[in-house]
């Protein structure tokens, strides 16, 4: 091994703070690039499920025509 001790390995020839900060930043960016799309997809699926439940609930009301449901959805979006 190139380093005589673990402390020398951590110090990296007095470049330790730069080396370990670079590793930490790289790990954080890679983790963000993996987790963010996963979280965004999960949130989108939850929003779509809630929208579907609302639409199905509006369709089950007696006397609710498709046109009235569309009008209600349009007014909610404005």
C-alpha atoms as a PDB file:
ATOM      1  CA  UNK A   1       0.000   0.000   0.000  1.00  0.00           C
ATOM      2  CA  UNK A   2       1.192   3.488  -0.792  1.00  0.00           C
ATOM      3  CA  UNK A   3       0.333   4.983   2.616  1.00  0.00           C
ATOM      4  CA  UNK A   4       2.038   3.891   5.822  1.00  0.00           C
ATOM      5  CA  UNK A   5      -1.030   4.360   8.029  1.00  0.00           C
ATOM      6  CA  UNK A   6      -4.738   5.059   7.867  1.00  0.00           C
ATOM      7  CA  UNK A   7      -4.136   8.621   9.104  1.00  0.00           C
ATOM      8  CA  UNK A   8      -1.769   9.188   6.180  1.00  0.00           C
ATOM      9  CA  UNK A   9      -4.396   7.787   3.862  1.00  0.00           C
ATOM     10  CA  UNK A  10      -6.974  10.264   5.209  1.00  0.00           C
ATOM     11  CA  UNK A  11      -4.495  13.143   4.945  1.00  0.00           C
ATOM     12  CA  UNK A  12      -3.697  12.211   1.315  1.00  0.00           C
ATOM     13  CA  UNK A  13      -0.335  13.983   1.433  1.00  0.00           C
ATOM     14  CA  UNK A  14      -1.924  17.178   2.843  1.00  0.00           C
ATOM     15  CA  UNK A  15      -4.548  17.149   0.073  1.00  0.00           C
ATOM     16  CA  UNK A  16      -7.115  15.264   2.166  1.00  0.00           C
ATOM     17  CA  UNK A  17      -9.707  18.047   2.516  1.00  0.00           C
ATOM     18  CA  UNK A  18      -9.809  18.581  -1.249  1.00  0.00           C
ATOM     19  CA  UNK A  19      -9.871  14.858  -2.055  1.00  0.00           C
ATOM     20  CA  UNK A  20     -12.565  13.942   0.474  1.00  0.00           C
ATOM     21  CA  UNK A  21     -14.686  17.001  -0.328  1.00  0.00           C
ATOM     22  CA  UNK A  22     -14.535  16.013  -4.004  1.00  0.00           C
ATOM     23  CA  UNK A  23     -15.606  12.458  -3.183  1.00  0.00           C
ATOM     24  CA  UNK A  24     -18.429  13.735  -0.968  1.00  0.00           C
ATOM     25  CA  UNK A  25     -19.690  16.195  -3.568  1.00  0.00           C
ATOM     26  CA  UNK A  26     -19.557  13.546  -6.281  1.00  0.00           C
ATOM     27  CA  UNK A  27     -21.509  11.099  -4.125  1.00  0.00           C
ATOM     28  CA  UNK A  28     -24.107  13.769  -3.278  1.00  0.00           C
ATOM     29  CA  UNK A  29     -24.636  14.659  -6.945  1.00  0.00           C
ATOM     30  CA  UNK A  30     -24.954  11.031  -8.010  1.00  0.00           C
ATOM     31  CA  UNK A  31     -27.413  10.357  -5.167  1.00  0.00           C
ATOM     32  CA  UNK A  32     -29.452  13.445  -6.162  1.00  0.00           C
ATOM     33  CA  UNK A  33     -29.531  12.298  -9.807  1.00  0.00           C
ATOM     34  CA  UNK A  34     -30.889   8.920  -8.717  1.00  0.00           C
ATOM     35  CA  UNK A  35     -33.335  10.021  -6.025  1.00  0.00           C
ATOM     36  CA  UNK A  36     -34.890  13.144  -7.572  1.00  0.00           C
ATOM     37  CA  UNK A  37     -36.467  11.457 -10.637  1.00  0.00           C
ATOM     38  CA  UNK A  38     -37.700   8.632  -8.398  1.00  0.00           C
ATOM     39  CA  UNK A  39     -39.345  11.105  -6.007  1.00  0.00           C
ATOM     40  CA  UNK A  40     -40.786  13.136  -8.901  1.00  0.00           C
ATOM     41  CA  UNK A  41     -42.275  10.002 -10.482  1.00  0.00           C
ATOM     42  CA  UNK A  42     -43.796   8.958  -7.171  1.00  0.00           C
ATOM     43  CA  UNK A  43     -45.346  12.417  -6.673  1.00  0.00           C
ATOM     44  CA  UNK A  44     -46.728  12.415 -10.230  1.00  0.00           C
ATOM     45  CA  UNK A  45     -48.308   8.986  -9.736  1.00  0.00           C
ATOM     46  CA  UNK A  46     -49.888  10.136  -6.453  1.00  0.00           C
ATOM     47  CA  UNK A  47     -51.281  13.269  -8.115  1.00  0.00           C
ATOM     48  CA  UNK A  48     -52.682  11.257 -11.011  1.00  0.00           C
ATOM     49  CA  UNK A  49     -54.279   8.734  -8.626  1.00  0.00           C
ATOM     50  CA  UNK A  50     -55.886  11.581  -6.660  1.00  0.00           C
ATOM     51  CA  UNK A  51     -57.175  13.150  -9.888  1.00  0.00           C
ATOM     52  CA  UNK A  52     -58.601   9.812 -11.006  1.00  0.00           C
ATOM     53  CA  UNK A  53     -60.329   9.349  -7.623  1.00  0.00           C
ATOM     54  CA  UNK A  54     -61.832  12.848  -7.885  1.00  0.00           C
ATOM     55  CA  UNK A  55     -63.042  12.209 -11.420  1.00  0.00           C
ATOM     56  CA  UNK A  56     -64.544   8.857 -10.467  1.00  0.00           C
ATOM     57  CA  UNK A  57     -66.204  10.454  -7.458  1.00  0.00           C
ATOM     58  CA  UNK A  58     -67.717  13.188  -9.650  1.00  0.00           C
ATOM     59  CA  UNK A  59     -68.981  10.563 -12.108  1.00  0.00           C
ATOM     60  CA  UNK A  60     -70.777   8.598  -9.414  1.00  0.00           C
ATOM     61  CA  UNK A  61     -72.970  11.527  -8.328  1.00  0.00           C
ATOM     62  CA  UNK A  62     -76.543  11.214  -9.544  1.00  0.00           C
ATOM     63  CA  UNK A  63     -77.344  13.766 -12.231  1.00  0.00           C
ATOM     64  CA  UNK A  64     -73.708  14.586 -12.964  1.00  0.00           C
ATOM     65  CA  UNK A  65     -73.344  14.726 -16.725  1.00  0.00           C
ATOM     66  CA  UNK A  66     -69.972  14.517 -18.458  1.00  0.00           C
ATOM     67  CA  UNK A  67     -70.357  18.152 -19.542  1.00  0.00           C
ATOM     68  CA  UNK A  68     -70.882  19.335 -15.970  1.00  0.00           C
ATOM     69  CA  UNK A  69     -67.860  17.341 -14.821  1.00  0.00           C
ATOM     70  CA  UNK A  70     -65.737  18.970 -17.545  1.00  0.00           C
ATOM     71  CA  UNK A  71     -66.994  22.414 -16.529  1.00  0.00           C
ATOM     72  CA  UNK A  72     -66.115  21.675 -12.903  1.00  0.00           C
ATOM     73  CA  UNK A  73     -62.638  20.449 -13.892  1.00  0.00           C
ATOM     74  CA  UNK A  74     -62.033  23.533 -16.047  1.00  0.00           C
ATOM     75  CA  UNK A  75     -63.072  25.914 -13.277  1.00  0.00           C
ATOM     76  CA  UNK A  76     -60.795  24.073 -10.841  1.00  0.00           C
ATOM     77  CA  UNK A  77     -57.832  24.511 -13.188  1.00  0.00           C
ATOM     78  CA  UNK A  78     -58.286  28.298 -13.500  1.00  0.00           C
END
